[in-house]
C-alpha cells in the first residue's frame, strides 16, 4: 500500500490496484531523485492521468499511468530545475508525453 493519500475525484471510494501499484512505484522513484510525494489526485473523468503534489511545492505535476514511473520522476526532476532556474510560477506541469513538458 502507498503511504501517501490518493484522492479520487471520480468515485471517491475505491482506487484500483493498478493505480495503487503505480503510486507505490512513484514514491520510491521520487525518493531516488530527492523528492517526496505529498499526495496524489485522480482527476475527474481522466482515466489514465494522476496529478501528483510534492512536499514543499505549490505546482502539481500531471503524469500518465501508461508511462514508466521512474522515467516520469526524472522528467519531473528536470522540470523542477527548469522552473526554479527560470523563476517560473507554474500552476501545473504536464509530463505525460515522452520528450515533452508543458506548464501553465
N, C-alpha and C. Protein backbone atom coordinates (compact mmCIF):
# COMPACT_ATOMS: atom_id res chain seq x y z
N UNK A 1 0.83 -1.20 0.00
CA UNK A 1 0.00 0.00 0.00
C UNK A 1 0.87 1.26 0.00
N UNK A 2 0.50 2.23 -0.82
CA UNK A 2 1.22 3.51 -0.80
C UNK A 2 1.02 4.21 0.54
N UNK A 3 2.01 5.00 0.94
CA UNK A 3 1.91 5.72 2.21
C UNK A 3 1.28 7.10 2.03
N UNK A 4 1.20 7.60 0.79
CA UNK A 4 0.60 8.91 0.55
C UNK A 4 -0.89 8.77 0.28
N UNK A 5 -1.62 9.84 0.54
CA UNK A 5 -3.06 9.84 0.28
C UNK A 5 -3.33 9.88 -1.22
N UNK A 6 -4.31 9.09 -1.65
CA UNK A 6 -4.76 9.09 -3.04
C UNK A 6 -6.21 9.56 -3.03
N UNK A 7 -6.45 10.72 -3.63
CA UNK A 7 -7.79 11.30 -3.67
C UNK A 7 -8.42 11.07 -5.04
N UNK A 8 -9.53 10.37 -5.07
CA UNK A 8 -10.21 10.06 -6.32
C UNK A 8 -11.38 11.01 -6.50
N UNK A 9 -11.28 11.91 -7.50
CA UNK A 9 -12.34 12.88 -7.75
C UNK A 9 -13.53 12.26 -8.47
N UNK A 10 -13.40 11.02 -8.94
CA UNK A 10 -14.48 10.36 -9.66
C UNK A 10 -15.47 9.68 -8.72
N UNK A 11 -14.99 8.69 -8.00
CA UNK A 11 -15.88 7.96 -7.11
C UNK A 11 -15.62 8.29 -5.65
N UNK A 12 -14.36 8.61 -5.37
CA UNK A 12 -14.01 8.94 -4.01
C UNK A 12 -13.91 7.76 -3.07
N UNK A 13 -14.13 6.57 -3.60
CA UNK A 13 -14.14 5.42 -2.69
C UNK A 13 -13.06 4.39 -3.00
N UNK A 14 -13.11 3.79 -4.16
CA UNK A 14 -12.22 2.68 -4.47
C UNK A 14 -11.15 3.10 -5.48
N UNK A 15 -9.90 2.81 -5.14
CA UNK A 15 -8.78 3.06 -6.05
C UNK A 15 -8.30 1.69 -6.53
N UNK A 16 -8.11 1.56 -7.84
CA UNK A 16 -7.73 0.27 -8.42
C UNK A 16 -6.33 -0.15 -7.94
N UNK A 17 -6.11 -1.44 -7.96
CA UNK A 17 -4.79 -1.98 -7.59
C UNK A 17 -3.71 -1.48 -8.53
N UNK A 18 -4.05 -1.31 -9.80
CA UNK A 18 -3.08 -0.81 -10.79
C UNK A 18 -2.59 0.58 -10.39
N UNK A 19 -3.52 1.44 -10.00
CA UNK A 19 -3.14 2.80 -9.60
C UNK A 19 -2.35 2.76 -8.30
N UNK A 20 -2.76 1.93 -7.35
CA UNK A 20 -2.02 1.81 -6.09
C UNK A 20 -0.59 1.35 -6.35
N UNK A 21 -0.41 0.37 -7.23
CA UNK A 21 0.94 -0.11 -7.58
C UNK A 21 1.76 1.00 -8.22
N UNK A 22 1.13 1.76 -9.12
CA UNK A 22 1.82 2.86 -9.79
C UNK A 22 2.27 3.91 -8.77
N UNK A 23 1.41 4.27 -7.84
CA UNK A 23 1.74 5.27 -6.83
C UNK A 23 2.84 4.76 -5.90
N UNK A 24 2.79 3.48 -5.57
CA UNK A 24 3.84 2.88 -4.74
C UNK A 24 5.20 2.99 -5.43
N UNK A 25 5.24 2.72 -6.74
CA UNK A 25 6.48 2.86 -7.51
C UNK A 25 6.91 4.33 -7.57
N UNK A 26 5.93 5.22 -7.73
CA UNK A 26 6.24 6.66 -7.78
C UNK A 26 6.92 7.12 -6.49
N UNK A 27 6.42 6.66 -5.36
CA UNK A 27 7.01 7.05 -4.08
C UNK A 27 8.49 6.70 -4.06
N UNK A 28 8.81 5.51 -4.47
CA UNK A 28 10.20 5.06 -4.49
C UNK A 28 11.02 5.85 -5.52
N UNK A 29 10.46 6.02 -6.72
CA UNK A 29 11.18 6.72 -7.78
C UNK A 29 11.45 8.18 -7.44
N UNK A 30 10.51 8.83 -6.76
CA UNK A 30 10.72 10.22 -6.38
C UNK A 30 11.75 10.34 -5.27
N UNK A 31 11.81 9.37 -4.38
CA UNK A 31 12.87 9.37 -3.37
C UNK A 31 14.23 9.27 -4.05
N UNK A 32 14.30 8.49 -5.14
CA UNK A 32 15.56 8.33 -5.87
C UNK A 32 16.05 9.64 -6.49
N UNK A 33 15.12 10.56 -6.81
CA UNK A 33 15.51 11.85 -7.40
C UNK A 33 15.47 12.96 -6.36
N UNK A 34 15.36 12.59 -5.08
CA UNK A 34 15.44 13.57 -3.99
C UNK A 34 14.17 14.34 -3.71
N UNK A 35 13.02 13.80 -4.09
CA UNK A 35 11.74 14.46 -3.85
C UNK A 35 10.82 13.53 -3.08
N UNK A 36 9.81 14.13 -2.45
CA UNK A 36 8.86 13.33 -1.68
C UNK A 36 7.44 13.72 -2.07
N UNK A 37 6.62 12.71 -2.35
CA UNK A 37 5.22 12.95 -2.69
C UNK A 37 4.47 13.42 -1.45
N UNK A 38 3.56 14.37 -1.66
CA UNK A 38 2.68 14.81 -0.59
C UNK A 38 1.35 14.05 -0.69
N UNK A 39 0.73 14.13 -1.88
CA UNK A 39 -0.48 13.37 -2.14
C UNK A 39 -0.70 13.25 -3.64
N UNK A 40 -1.63 12.38 -4.02
CA UNK A 40 -1.92 12.09 -5.42
C UNK A 40 -3.41 12.28 -5.64
N UNK A 41 -3.77 12.89 -6.78
CA UNK A 41 -5.18 13.09 -7.13
C UNK A 41 -5.46 12.38 -8.44
N UNK A 42 -6.57 11.63 -8.46
CA UNK A 42 -7.07 11.03 -9.70
C UNK A 42 -8.14 11.99 -10.21
N UNK A 43 -7.82 12.79 -11.25
CA UNK A 43 -8.73 13.85 -11.69
C UNK A 43 -10.05 13.31 -12.26
N UNK A 44 -11.07 14.12 -12.12
CA UNK A 44 -12.41 13.80 -12.60
C UNK A 44 -12.40 13.53 -14.10
N UNK A 45 -12.93 12.38 -14.49
CA UNK A 45 -13.08 11.95 -15.89
C UNK A 45 -11.76 11.79 -16.64
N UNK A 46 -10.67 11.57 -15.94
CA UNK A 46 -9.38 11.31 -16.58
C UNK A 46 -8.92 9.93 -16.13
N UNK A 47 -9.01 8.94 -17.01
CA UNK A 47 -8.79 7.56 -16.59
C UNK A 47 -7.33 7.16 -16.48
N UNK A 48 -6.44 7.78 -17.21
CA UNK A 48 -5.04 7.35 -17.20
C UNK A 48 -4.10 8.42 -16.66
N UNK A 49 -4.66 9.45 -16.06
CA UNK A 49 -3.85 10.55 -15.52
C UNK A 49 -3.85 10.52 -14.00
N UNK A 50 -2.69 10.83 -13.43
CA UNK A 50 -2.60 11.09 -11.99
C UNK A 50 -1.91 12.44 -11.82
N UNK A 51 -2.41 13.23 -10.90
CA UNK A 51 -1.79 14.51 -10.58
C UNK A 51 -1.07 14.34 -9.25
N UNK A 52 0.22 14.63 -9.26
CA UNK A 52 1.00 14.46 -8.04
C UNK A 52 1.37 15.81 -7.46
N UNK A 53 1.36 15.87 -6.16
CA UNK A 53 1.76 17.06 -5.42
C UNK A 53 2.98 16.68 -4.60
N UNK A 54 4.02 17.51 -4.70
CA UNK A 54 5.27 17.25 -4.00
C UNK A 54 5.35 18.11 -2.75
N UNK A 55 5.97 17.58 -1.72
CA UNK A 55 6.14 18.34 -0.48
C UNK A 55 6.99 19.56 -0.75
N UNK A 56 6.52 20.71 -0.26
CA UNK A 56 7.27 21.95 -0.41
C UNK A 56 7.09 22.65 -1.74
N UNK A 57 6.20 22.17 -2.60
CA UNK A 57 5.98 22.78 -3.91
C UNK A 57 4.53 23.21 -4.04
N UNK A 58 4.29 24.32 -4.77
CA UNK A 58 2.92 24.79 -4.96
C UNK A 58 2.29 24.21 -6.22
N UNK A 59 3.10 23.98 -7.27
CA UNK A 59 2.56 23.44 -8.52
C UNK A 59 2.37 21.92 -8.40
N UNK A 60 1.51 21.39 -9.26
CA UNK A 60 1.37 19.94 -9.31
C UNK A 60 1.81 19.44 -10.68
N UNK A 61 1.98 18.14 -10.79
CA UNK A 61 2.51 17.51 -12.00
C UNK A 61 1.55 16.46 -12.51
N UNK A 62 1.25 16.53 -13.81
CA UNK A 62 0.36 15.57 -14.46
C UNK A 62 1.20 14.44 -15.03
N UNK A 63 0.90 13.21 -14.60
CA UNK A 63 1.61 12.03 -15.07
C UNK A 63 0.63 11.05 -15.69
N UNK A 64 1.14 10.11 -16.45
CA UNK A 64 0.33 9.07 -17.08
C UNK A 64 0.65 7.72 -16.45
N UNK A 65 -0.38 6.95 -16.13
CA UNK A 65 -0.15 5.61 -15.59
C UNK A 65 0.37 4.66 -16.66
N UNK A 66 0.35 5.08 -17.93
CA UNK A 66 0.83 4.24 -19.03
C UNK A 66 2.32 4.40 -19.31
N UNK A 67 2.96 5.40 -18.71
CA UNK A 67 4.41 5.59 -18.88
C UNK A 67 5.13 5.12 -17.63
N UNK A 68 6.38 4.74 -17.81
CA UNK A 68 7.20 4.26 -16.71
C UNK A 68 7.31 5.31 -15.61
N UNK A 69 7.09 4.90 -14.37
CA UNK A 69 7.11 5.84 -13.25
C UNK A 69 8.50 6.45 -13.03
N UNK A 70 9.55 5.67 -13.20
CA UNK A 70 10.91 6.18 -12.99
C UNK A 70 11.27 7.24 -14.03
N UNK A 71 10.85 7.02 -15.27
CA UNK A 71 11.13 7.99 -16.33
C UNK A 71 10.39 9.30 -16.05
N UNK A 72 9.15 9.19 -15.60
CA UNK A 72 8.37 10.39 -15.31
C UNK A 72 8.92 11.12 -14.08
N UNK A 73 9.41 10.39 -13.10
CA UNK A 73 10.03 11.03 -11.93
C UNK A 73 11.25 11.83 -12.36
N UNK A 74 12.02 11.28 -13.28
CA UNK A 74 13.18 12.01 -13.80
C UNK A 74 12.74 13.23 -14.60
N UNK A 75 11.68 13.08 -15.40
CA UNK A 75 11.15 14.22 -16.16
C UNK A 75 10.71 15.34 -15.20
N UNK A 76 10.03 14.97 -14.13
CA UNK A 76 9.59 15.96 -13.15
C UNK A 76 10.79 16.63 -12.50
N UNK A 77 11.80 15.85 -12.17
CA UNK A 77 13.01 16.40 -11.57
C UNK A 77 13.66 17.44 -12.48
N UNK A 78 13.73 17.14 -13.76
CA UNK A 78 14.28 18.10 -14.72
C UNK A 78 13.43 19.37 -14.80
N UNK A 79 12.11 19.18 -14.79
CA UNK A 79 11.23 20.34 -14.86
C UNK A 79 11.29 21.17 -13.57
N UNK A 80 11.48 20.53 -12.44
CA UNK A 80 11.68 21.28 -11.19
C UNK A 80 12.87 22.22 -11.32
N UNK A 81 13.96 21.68 -11.84
CA UNK A 81 15.16 22.50 -12.03
C UNK A 81 14.90 23.65 -13.02
N UNK A 82 14.20 23.34 -14.12
CA UNK A 82 13.90 24.35 -15.13
C UNK A 82 13.01 25.45 -14.57
N UNK A 83 11.95 25.06 -13.87
CA UNK A 83 11.01 26.02 -13.29
C UNK A 83 11.74 26.92 -12.28
N UNK A 84 12.54 26.32 -11.43
CA UNK A 84 13.27 27.11 -10.42
C UNK A 84 14.32 28.02 -11.05
N UNK A 85 15.08 27.48 -11.99
CA UNK A 85 16.15 28.25 -12.63
C UNK A 85 15.60 29.47 -13.37
N UNK A 86 14.40 29.32 -13.96
CA UNK A 86 13.80 30.39 -14.75
C UNK A 86 12.74 31.18 -13.98
N UNK A 87 12.64 30.95 -12.68
CA UNK A 87 11.68 31.67 -11.81
C UNK A 87 10.26 31.63 -12.36
N UNK A 88 9.84 30.46 -12.82
CA UNK A 88 8.50 30.28 -13.38
C UNK A 88 7.55 29.90 -12.24
N UNK A 89 6.43 30.60 -12.17
CA UNK A 89 5.38 30.30 -11.19
C UNK A 89 4.29 29.50 -11.89
N UNK A 90 4.49 28.22 -12.02
CA UNK A 90 3.53 27.35 -12.71
C UNK A 90 2.41 26.91 -11.79
N UNK A 91 1.24 26.71 -12.37
CA UNK A 91 0.12 26.10 -11.64
C UNK A 91 0.29 24.59 -11.70
N UNK A 92 0.61 24.10 -12.92
CA UNK A 92 0.88 22.68 -13.10
C UNK A 92 1.90 22.49 -14.20
N UNK A 93 2.51 21.31 -14.22
CA UNK A 93 3.44 20.92 -15.28
C UNK A 93 2.99 19.54 -15.76
N UNK A 94 2.82 19.42 -17.07
CA UNK A 94 2.33 18.19 -17.68
C UNK A 94 3.51 17.45 -18.32
N UNK A 95 3.82 16.25 -17.82
CA UNK A 95 4.92 15.45 -18.37
C UNK A 95 4.41 14.11 -18.91
N UNK A 96 3.13 14.07 -19.31
CA UNK A 96 2.53 12.81 -19.78
C UNK A 96 3.06 12.35 -21.12
N UNK A 97 3.56 13.27 -21.95
CA UNK A 97 4.05 12.92 -23.27
C UNK A 97 5.57 12.82 -23.23
N UNK A 98 6.08 11.69 -23.67
CA UNK A 98 7.52 11.45 -23.65
C UNK A 98 8.25 12.51 -24.48
N UNK A 99 9.30 13.09 -23.88
CA UNK A 99 10.12 14.08 -24.58
C UNK A 99 9.54 15.48 -24.59
N UNK A 100 8.40 15.68 -23.94
CA UNK A 100 7.75 17.00 -23.91
C UNK A 100 7.33 17.33 -22.48
N UNK A 101 7.24 18.61 -22.20
CA UNK A 101 6.68 19.08 -20.94
C UNK A 101 5.99 20.40 -21.21
N UNK A 102 4.83 20.56 -20.59
CA UNK A 102 4.04 21.76 -20.74
C UNK A 102 3.71 22.30 -19.37
N UNK A 103 3.66 23.60 -19.25
CA UNK A 103 3.28 24.15 -17.95
C UNK A 103 2.31 25.30 -18.17
N UNK A 104 1.55 25.56 -17.12
CA UNK A 104 0.62 26.68 -17.13
C UNK A 104 0.82 27.45 -15.84
